[in-house]
N, C-alpha and C. Protein backbone atom coordinates (compact mmCIF):
# COMPACT_ATOMS: atom_id res chain seq x y z
N MET A 1 -22.90 30.71 6.30
CA MET A 1 -23.09 30.14 5.00
C MET A 1 -21.72 29.72 4.45
N SER A 2 -21.62 28.47 4.03
CA SER A 2 -20.35 28.00 3.49
C SER A 2 -20.17 28.47 2.06
N GLU A 3 -18.93 28.76 1.76
CA GLU A 3 -18.61 29.23 0.42
C GLU A 3 -18.43 28.05 -0.51
N LYS A 4 -19.07 28.08 -1.66
CA LYS A 4 -18.94 27.03 -2.64
C LYS A 4 -17.82 27.38 -3.61
N ILE A 5 -17.02 26.38 -3.93
CA ILE A 5 -15.96 26.57 -4.90
C ILE A 5 -16.45 26.08 -6.24
N ARG A 6 -16.29 26.89 -7.24
CA ARG A 6 -16.73 26.53 -8.58
C ARG A 6 -15.50 26.30 -9.45
N THR A 7 -15.46 25.15 -10.10
CA THR A 7 -14.34 24.80 -10.97
C THR A 7 -14.83 24.76 -12.40
N ILE A 8 -14.11 25.41 -13.26
CA ILE A 8 -14.44 25.41 -14.68
C ILE A 8 -13.30 24.70 -15.41
N GLN A 9 -13.65 23.69 -16.19
CA GLN A 9 -12.66 22.99 -16.98
C GLN A 9 -12.83 23.40 -18.43
N GLU A 10 -11.75 23.78 -19.05
CA GLU A 10 -11.84 24.13 -20.46
C GLU A 10 -10.63 23.57 -21.18
N TYR A 11 -10.85 23.27 -22.45
CA TYR A 11 -9.77 22.78 -23.28
C TYR A 11 -9.21 23.95 -24.08
N VAL A 12 -7.91 23.98 -24.17
CA VAL A 12 -7.27 25.01 -24.98
C VAL A 12 -6.78 24.37 -26.27
N PRO A 13 -6.66 25.15 -27.32
CA PRO A 13 -6.18 24.58 -28.57
C PRO A 13 -4.84 23.91 -28.37
N GLY A 14 -4.67 22.77 -28.90
CA GLY A 14 -3.43 22.03 -28.77
C GLY A 14 -3.70 20.57 -28.97
N LYS A 15 -2.65 19.83 -29.13
CA LYS A 15 -2.77 18.40 -29.34
C LYS A 15 -2.00 17.70 -28.25
N GLN A 16 -2.71 16.97 -27.38
CA GLN A 16 -2.03 16.29 -26.31
C GLN A 16 -2.75 15.06 -25.83
N VAL A 17 -1.99 14.12 -25.34
CA VAL A 17 -2.52 12.97 -24.64
C VAL A 17 -2.38 13.31 -23.16
N THR A 18 -3.49 13.36 -22.43
CA THR A 18 -3.41 13.72 -21.02
C THR A 18 -3.36 12.51 -20.11
N LEU A 19 -3.79 11.34 -20.62
CA LEU A 19 -3.76 10.12 -19.83
C LEU A 19 -3.56 8.93 -20.76
N ALA A 20 -2.64 8.06 -20.40
CA ALA A 20 -2.45 6.78 -21.08
C ALA A 20 -2.12 5.79 -19.98
N HIS A 21 -3.11 4.98 -19.59
CA HIS A 21 -2.95 4.14 -18.42
C HIS A 21 -3.45 2.72 -18.68
N MET A 22 -2.76 1.76 -18.09
CA MET A 22 -3.20 0.37 -18.16
C MET A 22 -3.49 -0.13 -16.76
N ILE A 23 -4.68 -0.71 -16.58
CA ILE A 23 -5.03 -1.38 -15.34
C ILE A 23 -4.87 -2.87 -15.61
N ALA A 24 -3.82 -3.46 -15.07
CA ALA A 24 -3.58 -4.89 -15.27
C ALA A 24 -4.37 -5.68 -14.23
N HIS A 25 -5.00 -6.72 -14.68
CA HIS A 25 -5.79 -7.63 -13.83
C HIS A 25 -6.80 -6.89 -12.96
N PRO A 26 -7.71 -6.15 -13.57
CA PRO A 26 -8.72 -5.43 -12.78
C PRO A 26 -9.66 -6.43 -12.10
N GLY A 27 -10.21 -6.02 -11.01
CA GLY A 27 -11.17 -6.85 -10.31
C GLY A 27 -12.47 -6.98 -11.10
N ARG A 28 -13.15 -8.09 -10.91
CA ARG A 28 -14.42 -8.30 -11.61
C ARG A 28 -15.45 -7.24 -11.27
N ASP A 29 -15.44 -6.78 -10.02
CA ASP A 29 -16.39 -5.74 -9.63
C ASP A 29 -16.16 -4.45 -10.43
N LEU A 30 -14.89 -4.07 -10.61
CA LEU A 30 -14.60 -2.88 -11.39
C LEU A 30 -15.08 -3.05 -12.82
N CYS A 31 -14.79 -4.17 -13.42
CA CYS A 31 -15.21 -4.43 -14.81
C CYS A 31 -16.73 -4.36 -14.92
N ARG A 32 -17.42 -4.95 -13.97
CA ARG A 32 -18.87 -4.94 -14.00
C ARG A 32 -19.40 -3.52 -13.83
N GLN A 33 -18.80 -2.76 -12.92
CA GLN A 33 -19.28 -1.40 -12.64
C GLN A 33 -19.11 -0.49 -13.84
N ILE A 34 -18.03 -0.65 -14.60
CA ILE A 34 -17.82 0.24 -15.75
C ILE A 34 -18.28 -0.38 -17.06
N GLY A 35 -18.77 -1.62 -16.99
CA GLY A 35 -19.40 -2.24 -18.15
C GLY A 35 -18.44 -2.74 -19.22
N VAL A 36 -17.29 -3.27 -18.79
CA VAL A 36 -16.33 -3.82 -19.75
C VAL A 36 -16.11 -5.30 -19.46
N GLU A 37 -15.60 -6.00 -20.47
CA GLU A 37 -15.29 -7.41 -20.31
C GLU A 37 -14.07 -7.59 -19.40
N ASP A 38 -14.06 -8.65 -18.64
CA ASP A 38 -12.93 -8.98 -17.78
C ASP A 38 -11.97 -9.84 -18.60
N LYS A 39 -11.01 -9.19 -19.27
CA LYS A 39 -10.13 -9.88 -20.19
C LYS A 39 -8.67 -9.85 -19.77
N GLY A 40 -8.34 -9.30 -18.64
CA GLY A 40 -6.95 -9.26 -18.19
C GLY A 40 -6.42 -7.88 -17.98
N ALA A 41 -6.83 -6.91 -18.81
CA ALA A 41 -6.35 -5.54 -18.64
C ALA A 41 -7.31 -4.55 -19.30
N ILE A 42 -7.27 -3.34 -18.79
CA ILE A 42 -8.06 -2.23 -19.34
C ILE A 42 -7.09 -1.14 -19.74
N GLY A 43 -7.24 -0.63 -20.96
CA GLY A 43 -6.46 0.51 -21.42
C GLY A 43 -7.32 1.75 -21.43
N LEU A 44 -6.79 2.85 -20.90
CA LEU A 44 -7.52 4.11 -20.82
C LEU A 44 -6.69 5.23 -21.43
N MET A 45 -7.32 6.06 -22.23
CA MET A 45 -6.63 7.23 -22.78
C MET A 45 -7.59 8.42 -22.78
N THR A 46 -7.03 9.60 -22.57
CA THR A 46 -7.76 10.84 -22.74
C THR A 46 -6.94 11.73 -23.64
N ILE A 47 -7.58 12.25 -24.69
CA ILE A 47 -6.87 12.94 -25.76
C ILE A 47 -7.59 14.25 -26.09
N THR A 48 -6.79 15.30 -26.34
CA THR A 48 -7.32 16.58 -26.77
C THR A 48 -6.65 16.96 -28.08
N PRO A 49 -7.38 17.33 -29.11
CA PRO A 49 -8.83 17.42 -29.21
C PRO A 49 -9.46 16.04 -29.21
N GLY A 50 -10.74 16.00 -28.89
CA GLY A 50 -11.44 14.75 -28.72
C GLY A 50 -11.43 13.85 -29.93
N GLU A 51 -11.38 14.41 -31.11
CA GLU A 51 -11.36 13.60 -32.33
C GLU A 51 -10.12 12.72 -32.40
N GLY A 52 -9.10 13.07 -31.64
CA GLY A 52 -7.89 12.26 -31.58
C GLY A 52 -8.16 10.86 -31.05
N ALA A 53 -9.24 10.71 -30.28
CA ALA A 53 -9.60 9.40 -29.76
C ALA A 53 -9.92 8.42 -30.89
N ILE A 54 -10.46 8.93 -31.98
CA ILE A 54 -10.77 8.07 -33.13
C ILE A 54 -9.47 7.54 -33.74
N ILE A 55 -8.50 8.42 -33.90
CA ILE A 55 -7.21 8.04 -34.46
C ILE A 55 -6.50 7.08 -33.51
N ALA A 56 -6.53 7.38 -32.21
CA ALA A 56 -5.90 6.51 -31.22
C ALA A 56 -6.55 5.13 -31.21
N ALA A 57 -7.88 5.08 -31.34
CA ALA A 57 -8.58 3.80 -31.34
C ALA A 57 -8.17 2.98 -32.56
N ASP A 58 -8.05 3.61 -33.70
CA ASP A 58 -7.62 2.92 -34.92
C ASP A 58 -6.21 2.36 -34.74
N SER A 59 -5.30 3.19 -34.26
CA SER A 59 -3.93 2.75 -34.09
C SER A 59 -3.82 1.67 -33.02
N ALA A 60 -4.53 1.83 -31.91
CA ALA A 60 -4.49 0.82 -30.84
C ALA A 60 -4.96 -0.52 -31.35
N SER A 61 -6.04 -0.52 -32.13
CA SER A 61 -6.59 -1.79 -32.62
C SER A 61 -5.66 -2.46 -33.63
N LYS A 62 -4.79 -1.69 -34.26
CA LYS A 62 -3.82 -2.26 -35.21
C LYS A 62 -2.56 -2.76 -34.51
N HIS A 63 -2.35 -2.39 -33.25
CA HIS A 63 -1.14 -2.77 -32.53
C HIS A 63 -1.37 -3.82 -31.45
N GLY A 64 -2.60 -4.20 -31.19
CA GLY A 64 -2.87 -5.20 -30.17
C GLY A 64 -4.21 -5.86 -30.39
N ASP A 65 -4.33 -7.08 -29.93
CA ASP A 65 -5.59 -7.82 -30.04
C ASP A 65 -6.51 -7.36 -28.91
N ILE A 66 -7.20 -6.24 -29.15
CA ILE A 66 -8.00 -5.61 -28.11
C ILE A 66 -9.45 -5.52 -28.57
N ARG A 67 -10.31 -5.24 -27.60
CA ARG A 67 -11.71 -4.96 -27.87
C ARG A 67 -11.96 -3.49 -27.49
N LEU A 68 -12.40 -2.70 -28.45
CA LEU A 68 -12.75 -1.31 -28.15
C LEU A 68 -14.03 -1.29 -27.36
N GLU A 69 -14.00 -0.76 -26.18
CA GLU A 69 -15.18 -0.73 -25.30
C GLU A 69 -15.90 0.61 -25.41
N PHE A 70 -15.13 1.70 -25.59
CA PHE A 70 -15.74 3.04 -25.58
C PHE A 70 -14.81 4.01 -26.30
N VAL A 71 -15.35 4.75 -27.24
CA VAL A 71 -14.62 5.81 -27.94
C VAL A 71 -15.55 7.03 -27.97
N ASP A 72 -15.10 8.13 -27.40
CA ASP A 72 -15.93 9.34 -27.37
C ASP A 72 -15.18 10.47 -28.05
N ARG A 73 -15.64 10.87 -29.24
CA ARG A 73 -14.96 11.93 -29.99
C ARG A 73 -15.22 13.31 -29.39
N PHE A 74 -16.15 13.42 -28.47
CA PHE A 74 -16.43 14.72 -27.86
C PHE A 74 -15.53 14.98 -26.63
N THR A 75 -15.31 13.95 -25.82
CA THR A 75 -14.48 14.12 -24.62
C THR A 75 -13.05 13.64 -24.83
N GLY A 76 -12.82 12.86 -25.90
CA GLY A 76 -11.49 12.32 -26.15
C GLY A 76 -11.15 11.10 -25.31
N CYS A 77 -12.18 10.46 -24.77
CA CYS A 77 -11.98 9.28 -23.93
C CYS A 77 -11.96 8.00 -24.77
N LEU A 78 -11.02 7.13 -24.47
CA LEU A 78 -10.89 5.85 -25.15
C LEU A 78 -10.67 4.77 -24.09
N VAL A 79 -11.47 3.70 -24.16
CA VAL A 79 -11.35 2.57 -23.24
C VAL A 79 -11.34 1.29 -24.07
N PHE A 80 -10.38 0.42 -23.79
CA PHE A 80 -10.34 -0.87 -24.47
C PHE A 80 -9.84 -1.94 -23.52
N THR A 81 -10.10 -3.20 -23.86
CA THR A 81 -9.71 -4.33 -23.03
C THR A 81 -9.00 -5.37 -23.87
N GLY A 82 -8.30 -6.23 -23.17
CA GLY A 82 -7.57 -7.34 -23.80
C GLY A 82 -6.65 -7.96 -22.78
N ASP A 83 -5.80 -8.88 -23.23
CA ASP A 83 -4.82 -9.41 -22.31
C ASP A 83 -3.77 -8.33 -22.05
N VAL A 84 -2.98 -8.51 -21.01
CA VAL A 84 -2.05 -7.47 -20.56
C VAL A 84 -1.07 -7.07 -21.68
N ALA A 85 -0.49 -8.03 -22.35
CA ALA A 85 0.47 -7.72 -23.42
C ALA A 85 -0.19 -6.97 -24.57
N SER A 86 -1.38 -7.36 -24.95
CA SER A 86 -2.08 -6.68 -26.05
C SER A 86 -2.45 -5.25 -25.69
N VAL A 87 -2.92 -5.03 -24.48
CA VAL A 87 -3.30 -3.68 -24.05
C VAL A 87 -2.07 -2.79 -24.00
N GLU A 88 -0.97 -3.32 -23.47
CA GLU A 88 0.27 -2.52 -23.41
C GLU A 88 0.75 -2.17 -24.82
N SER A 89 0.73 -3.14 -25.71
CA SER A 89 1.13 -2.92 -27.10
C SER A 89 0.23 -1.91 -27.78
N ALA A 90 -1.07 -2.01 -27.54
CA ALA A 90 -2.04 -1.08 -28.12
C ALA A 90 -1.81 0.34 -27.62
N LEU A 91 -1.57 0.50 -26.32
CA LEU A 91 -1.28 1.83 -25.77
C LEU A 91 0.00 2.39 -26.38
N ASP A 92 1.05 1.58 -26.44
CA ASP A 92 2.32 2.03 -27.04
C ASP A 92 2.10 2.46 -28.50
N GLY A 93 1.36 1.67 -29.25
CA GLY A 93 1.11 1.99 -30.66
C GLY A 93 0.32 3.26 -30.83
N ALA A 94 -0.70 3.45 -30.01
CA ALA A 94 -1.52 4.65 -30.10
C ALA A 94 -0.70 5.88 -29.71
N LEU A 95 0.09 5.78 -28.63
CA LEU A 95 0.93 6.89 -28.23
C LEU A 95 1.94 7.25 -29.31
N SER A 96 2.53 6.22 -29.90
CA SER A 96 3.53 6.44 -30.94
C SER A 96 2.92 7.15 -32.16
N ALA A 97 1.75 6.68 -32.59
CA ALA A 97 1.10 7.31 -33.75
C ALA A 97 0.75 8.76 -33.47
N LEU A 98 0.16 9.02 -32.30
CA LEU A 98 -0.23 10.39 -31.99
C LEU A 98 0.98 11.30 -31.84
N ASN A 99 2.04 10.80 -31.25
CA ASN A 99 3.24 11.60 -31.00
C ASN A 99 4.07 11.78 -32.27
N ASN A 100 4.42 10.67 -32.90
CA ASN A 100 5.38 10.70 -34.02
C ASN A 100 4.77 11.14 -35.35
N ILE A 101 3.53 10.77 -35.59
CA ILE A 101 2.92 11.10 -36.88
C ILE A 101 2.18 12.44 -36.82
N LEU A 102 1.45 12.66 -35.72
CA LEU A 102 0.59 13.85 -35.64
C LEU A 102 1.15 14.96 -34.76
N GLY A 103 2.24 14.72 -34.07
CA GLY A 103 2.86 15.75 -33.25
C GLY A 103 2.15 16.09 -31.95
N PHE A 104 1.39 15.13 -31.42
CA PHE A 104 0.74 15.34 -30.13
C PHE A 104 1.77 15.34 -29.01
N ALA A 105 1.55 16.12 -27.98
CA ALA A 105 2.38 16.07 -26.78
C ALA A 105 2.01 14.78 -26.05
N PRO A 106 2.99 13.92 -25.76
CA PRO A 106 2.67 12.63 -25.17
C PRO A 106 2.48 12.69 -23.66
N ALA A 107 1.82 11.70 -23.16
CA ALA A 107 1.72 11.46 -21.72
C ALA A 107 2.51 10.21 -21.44
N PRO A 108 3.07 10.07 -20.24
CA PRO A 108 3.75 8.81 -19.93
C PRO A 108 2.75 7.67 -19.82
N LEU A 109 3.16 6.49 -20.23
CA LEU A 109 2.32 5.31 -20.09
C LEU A 109 2.44 4.85 -18.65
N THR A 110 1.34 4.89 -17.91
CA THR A 110 1.35 4.48 -16.50
C THR A 110 0.59 3.17 -16.35
N LYS A 111 0.90 2.45 -15.26
CA LYS A 111 0.28 1.12 -15.06
C LYS A 111 -0.03 0.92 -13.57
N THR A 112 -1.15 0.23 -13.33
CA THR A 112 -1.47 -0.22 -11.98
C THR A 112 -1.92 -1.65 -12.06
């Protein structure tokens, strides 16, 4: 009998951005599979506590001409699209607001 490994994920109290990533020029298949517009770039963020996604979405939309595709206040997931420059600016703005105004631990902005 094979042994099953059980993984438990839990959030601990704290304020952090665990992912801030830009996918530049995603393929049409990827956009179709995840249900977003093919606009040049996809911005992804994961934030703890989850309500931080609402604040990040507000800040991102004020820093770039983006379309909010998904905001989940329970998991802290934020997905938005736009041209590459707008998505990068939106990610920078959201990271800056969370870090400098609210004291969140930042994540590096990564790109593919």
